[in-house]
C-alpha atoms as a PDB file:
ATOM      1  CA  UNK A   1     -19.575 -27.824  -6.316  1.00  0.00           C
ATOM      2  CA  UNK A   2     -19.203 -24.488  -4.684  1.00  0.00           C
ATOM      3  CA  UNK A   3     -16.405 -23.924  -2.106  1.00  0.00           C
ATOM      4  CA  UNK A   4     -17.205 -21.844   0.796  1.00  0.00           C
ATOM      5  CA  UNK A   5     -15.958 -18.266   0.479  1.00  0.00           C
ATOM      6  CA  UNK A   6     -15.017 -15.895   3.475  1.00  0.00           C
ATOM      7  CA  UNK A   7     -16.951 -12.706   3.431  1.00  0.00           C
ATOM      8  CA  UNK A   8     -15.393  -9.569   2.207  1.00  0.00           C
ATOM      9  CA  UNK A   9     -15.670  -7.730   5.524  1.00  0.00           C
ATOM     10  CA  UNK A  10     -14.227 -10.263   8.077  1.00  0.00           C
ATOM     11  CA  UNK A  11     -13.768  -9.472  11.712  1.00  0.00           C
ATOM     12  CA  UNK A  12     -10.125 -10.596  11.461  1.00  0.00           C
ATOM     13  CA  UNK A  13      -7.828  -8.898   9.251  1.00  0.00           C
ATOM     14  CA  UNK A  14      -6.997 -10.774   5.991  1.00  0.00           C
ATOM     15  CA  UNK A  15      -3.376 -11.782   5.527  1.00  0.00           C
ATOM     16  CA  UNK A  16      -1.398 -10.259   2.679  1.00  0.00           C
ATOM     17  CA  UNK A  17      -1.451 -12.391  -0.559  1.00  0.00           C
ATOM     18  CA  UNK A  18       1.948 -14.004  -0.956  1.00  0.00           C
ATOM     19  CA  UNK A  19       1.928 -13.171  -4.758  1.00  0.00           C
ATOM     20  CA  UNK A  20       1.266  -9.466  -4.114  1.00  0.00           C
ATOM     21  CA  UNK A  21      -1.752  -9.696  -6.357  1.00  0.00           C
ATOM     22  CA  UNK A  22      -4.595  -7.282  -5.994  1.00  0.00           C
ATOM     23  CA  UNK A  23      -7.873  -9.226  -5.232  1.00  0.00           C
ATOM     24  CA  UNK A  24     -11.491  -8.418  -4.637  1.00  0.00           C
ATOM     25  CA  UNK A  25     -10.688  -8.077  -0.909  1.00  0.00           C
ATOM     26  CA  UNK A  26      -8.683  -4.998  -1.704  1.00  0.00           C
ATOM     27  CA  UNK A  27     -11.699  -3.305  -3.601  1.00  0.00           C
ATOM     28  CA  UNK A  28     -14.458  -2.926  -1.030  1.00  0.00           C
ATOM     29  CA  UNK A  29     -16.407  -0.117   0.628  1.00  0.00           C
ATOM     30  CA  UNK A  30     -13.483   0.483   2.975  1.00  0.00           C
ATOM     31  CA  UNK A  31     -11.240   1.005  -0.092  1.00  0.00           C
ATOM     32  CA  UNK A  32     -13.711   3.434  -1.510  1.00  0.00           C
ATOM     33  CA  UNK A  33     -13.887   5.513   1.687  1.00  0.00           C
ATOM     34  CA  UNK A  34     -10.015   5.504   1.861  1.00  0.00           C
ATOM     35  CA  UNK A  35      -9.846   6.658  -1.764  1.00  0.00           C
ATOM     36  CA  UNK A  36     -12.075   9.740  -1.205  1.00  0.00           C
ATOM     37  CA  UNK A  37     -10.778  10.633   2.269  1.00  0.00           C
ATOM     38  CA  UNK A  38      -8.516  13.473   1.815  1.00  0.00           C
ATOM     39  CA  UNK A  39      -6.867  12.970   5.081  1.00  0.00           C
ATOM     40  CA  UNK A  40      -5.520   9.787   3.528  1.00  0.00           C
ATOM     41  CA  UNK A  41      -3.689  11.664   0.764  1.00  0.00           C
ATOM     42  CA  UNK A  42      -2.312  14.776   2.023  1.00  0.00           C
ATOM     43  CA  UNK A  43       1.564  14.506   2.599  1.00  0.00           C
ATOM     44  CA  UNK A  44       2.492  14.549   6.310  1.00  0.00           C
ATOM     45  CA  UNK A  45      -1.274  14.690   7.347  1.00  0.00           C
ATOM     46  CA  UNK A  46      -1.891  11.156   5.989  1.00  0.00           C
ATOM     47  CA  UNK A  47       0.968   9.662   7.968  1.00  0.00           C
ATOM     48  CA  UNK A  48      -0.099  11.305  11.311  1.00  0.00           C
ATOM     49  CA  UNK A  49      -3.784  10.354  10.439  1.00  0.00           C
ATOM     50  CA  UNK A  50      -2.666   6.653   9.945  1.00  0.00           C
ATOM     51  CA  UNK A  51      -0.509   6.709  12.907  1.00  0.00           C
ATOM     52  CA  UNK A  52      -3.308   8.018  15.289  1.00  0.00           C
ATOM     53  CA  UNK A  53      -6.179   5.949  13.879  1.00  0.00           C
ATOM     54  CA  UNK A  54      -4.307   2.754  13.030  1.00  0.00           C
ATOM     55  CA  UNK A  55      -5.987   2.829   9.646  1.00  0.00           C
ATOM     56  CA  UNK A  56      -4.346   1.009   6.734  1.00  0.00           C
ATOM     57  CA  UNK A  57      -4.845   1.905   3.031  1.00  0.00           C
ATOM     58  CA  UNK A  58      -4.496  -0.539   0.147  1.00  0.00           C
ATOM     59  CA  UNK A  59      -2.586   0.083  -2.967  1.00  0.00           C
ATOM     60  CA  UNK A  60      -5.536   0.651  -5.183  1.00  0.00           C
ATOM     61  CA  UNK A  61      -6.932   3.277  -2.942  1.00  0.00           C
ATOM     62  CA  UNK A  62      -3.641   5.095  -2.609  1.00  0.00           C
ATOM     63  CA  UNK A  63      -2.986   5.171  -6.250  1.00  0.00           C
ATOM     64  CA  UNK A  64      -6.448   6.206  -7.328  1.00  0.00           C
ATOM     65  CA  UNK A  65      -6.735   8.785  -4.457  1.00  0.00           C
ATOM     66  CA  UNK A  66      -3.393  10.067  -5.440  1.00  0.00           C
ATOM     67  CA  UNK A  67      -4.609  10.614  -9.019  1.00  0.00           C
ATOM     68  CA  UNK A  68      -7.887  12.099  -7.824  1.00  0.00           C
ATOM     69  CA  UNK A  69      -6.138  14.692  -5.585  1.00  0.00           C
ATOM     70  CA  UNK A  70      -2.777  15.088  -7.090  1.00  0.00           C
ATOM     71  CA  UNK A  71      -3.345  14.573 -10.931  1.00  0.00           C
ATOM     72  CA  UNK A  72      -0.662  13.061 -12.813  1.00  0.00           C
ATOM     73  CA  UNK A  73       2.013  13.905 -10.143  1.00  0.00           C
ATOM     74  CA  UNK A  74      -0.095  12.492  -7.451  1.00  0.00           C
ATOM     75  CA  UNK A  75      -0.618   9.391  -9.479  1.00  0.00           C
ATOM     76  CA  UNK A  76       3.168   8.701 -10.045  1.00  0.00           C
ATOM     77  CA  UNK A  77       4.040   9.732  -6.533  1.00  0.00           C
ATOM     78  CA  UNK A  78       1.564   7.269  -5.017  1.00  0.00           C
ATOM     79  CA  UNK A  79       2.741   4.527  -7.555  1.00  0.00           C
ATOM     80  CA  UNK A  80       6.330   5.189  -6.322  1.00  0.00           C
ATOM     81  CA  UNK A  81       5.290   5.149  -2.667  1.00  0.00           C
ATOM     82  CA  UNK A  82       3.496   1.819  -3.124  1.00  0.00           C
ATOM     83  CA  UNK A  83       6.432   0.390  -4.960  1.00  0.00           C
ATOM     84  CA  UNK A  84       8.831   1.421  -2.032  1.00  0.00           C
ATOM     85  CA  UNK A  85       6.319  -0.032   0.442  1.00  0.00           C
ATOM     86  CA  UNK A  86       6.251  -3.301  -1.565  1.00  0.00           C
ATOM     87  CA  UNK A  87      10.072  -3.506  -1.465  1.00  0.00           C
ATOM     88  CA  UNK A  88      10.851  -2.253   1.963  1.00  0.00           C
ATOM     89  CA  UNK A  89       7.560  -2.683   3.970  1.00  0.00           C
ATOM     90  CA  UNK A  90       7.393   1.010   4.851  1.00  0.00           C
ATOM     91  CA  UNK A  91       6.150   3.879   2.736  1.00  0.00           C
ATOM     92  CA  UNK A  92       7.986   7.195   2.729  1.00  0.00           C
ATOM     93  CA  UNK A  93       5.873   8.731   5.521  1.00  0.00           C
ATOM     94  CA  UNK A  94       6.456   5.674   7.794  1.00  0.00           C
ATOM     95  CA  UNK A  95      10.165   5.703   7.157  1.00  0.00           C
ATOM     96  CA  UNK A  96      10.487   9.449   7.894  1.00  0.00           C
ATOM     97  CA  UNK A  97       8.259   9.044  10.971  1.00  0.00           C
ATOM     98  CA  UNK A  98      10.391   6.189  12.398  1.00  0.00           C
ATOM     99  CA  UNK A  99      13.601   8.323  11.837  1.00  0.00           C
ATOM    100  CA  UNK A 100      11.881  11.186  13.781  1.00  0.00           C
ATOM    101  CA  UNK A 101      10.683   8.947  16.590  1.00  0.00           C
ATOM    102  CA  UNK A 102      14.138   7.198  16.738  1.00  0.00           C
ATOM    103  CA  UNK A 103      13.546   3.473  16.778  1.00  0.00           C
ATOM    104  CA  UNK A 104      16.654   2.769  18.864  1.00  0.00           C
ATOM    105  CA  UNK A 105      18.995   2.394  15.833  1.00  0.00           C
ATOM    106  CA  UNK A 106      17.453  -0.709  14.556  1.00  0.00           C
ATOM    107  CA  UNK A 107      17.170  -0.924  10.746  1.00  0.00           C
ATOM    108  CA  UNK A 108      13.822  -2.639  10.270  1.00  0.00           C
ATOM    109  CA  UNK A 109      13.732  -1.722   6.563  1.00  0.00           C
ATOM    110  CA  UNK A 110      16.760  -3.768   5.788  1.00  0.00           C
ATOM    111  CA  UNK A 111      15.383  -6.664   7.888  1.00  0.00           C
ATOM    112  CA  UNK A 112      11.983  -6.599   5.957  1.00  0.00           C
ATOM    113  CA  UNK A 113      13.581  -6.171   2.548  1.00  0.00           C
ATOM    114  CA  UNK A 114      16.043  -9.040   2.926  1.00  0.00           C
ATOM    115  CA  UNK A 115      13.562 -11.476   4.471  1.00  0.00           C
ATOM    116  CA  UNK A 116      11.892 -12.155   1.081  1.00  0.00           C
ATOM    117  CA  UNK A 117      14.300 -12.239  -1.837  1.00  0.00           C
ATOM    118  CA  UNK A 118      11.452 -12.195  -4.435  1.00  0.00           C
ATOM    119  CA  UNK A 119       9.687  -9.102  -2.910  1.00  0.00           C
ATOM    120  CA  UNK A 120      11.195  -6.471  -5.302  1.00  0.00           C
ATOM    121  CA  UNK A 121      10.172  -8.721  -8.257  1.00  0.00           C
ATOM    122  CA  UNK A 122       6.577  -8.982  -7.042  1.00  0.00           C
ATOM    123  CA  UNK A 123       6.533  -5.273  -6.465  1.00  0.00           C
ATOM    124  CA  UNK A 124       7.789  -4.675  -9.970  1.00  0.00           C
ATOM    125  CA  UNK A 125       5.179  -6.975 -11.462  1.00  0.00           C
ATOM    126  CA  UNK A 126       2.405  -5.264  -9.428  1.00  0.00           C
ATOM    127  CA  UNK A 127       3.604  -1.881 -10.693  1.00  0.00           C
ATOM    128  CA  UNK A 128       3.526  -3.096 -14.194  1.00  0.00           C
ATOM    129  CA  UNK A 129      -0.087  -4.465 -13.654  1.00  0.00           C
ATOM    130  CA  UNK A 130      -1.325  -1.288 -12.204  1.00  0.00           C
ATOM    131  CA  UNK A 131       0.014   0.978 -14.879  1.00  0.00           C
ATOM    132  CA  UNK A 132      -1.117  -1.312 -17.590  1.00  0.00           C
ATOM    133  CA  UNK A 133       2.395  -1.939 -18.987  1.00  0.00           C
ATOM    134  CA  UNK A 134       2.019  -5.544 -18.197  1.00  0.00           C
ATOM    135  CA  UNK A 135      -0.770  -5.940 -20.822  1.00  0.00           C
ATOM    136  CA  UNK A 136       1.553  -4.657 -23.624  1.00  0.00           C
ATOM    137  CA  UNK A 137       3.948  -7.709 -23.183  1.00  0.00           C
END
C-alpha cells in the first residue's frame, strides 16, 4: 500500500523536522537557486537580502554555497553559522542585525536555546552528518 505523500513544493511552509535531519524537502529547486545565488552568501549583503525579501535558506544550500564561493574557509564558516543557528535559532547575521535594530532588550536567543534542551545535541549530530564524521563512528 502506498501512503499519500505531500508535494515537494507545497503552498504552505513545511514545519521544521523535530530530529533536525535533512530530508528530500531540503533538496529541491529552491535550494539549488539559493546555493548558486551569490546574494545569499556574501556577508552583510546576505543578511540584508534575506531581511528585505523574507527568503530563508536551508542548511545544505548554505554550506554548499559557502564552499562554492568561499572555498575551505567558506565551508567551515557556513558550517559554524549553521551550528549556531541550530543551537540558538539565529545565525550570526541575524544576531548582529537584532543588536543593531535594538529589539527592546529582550534576549530571544536565550529563550529559543533554553526552550529545547536537546537542540545542541541535534545540532552536533547534524554537523557530524554533514561533515561525514558520523560515518566514521
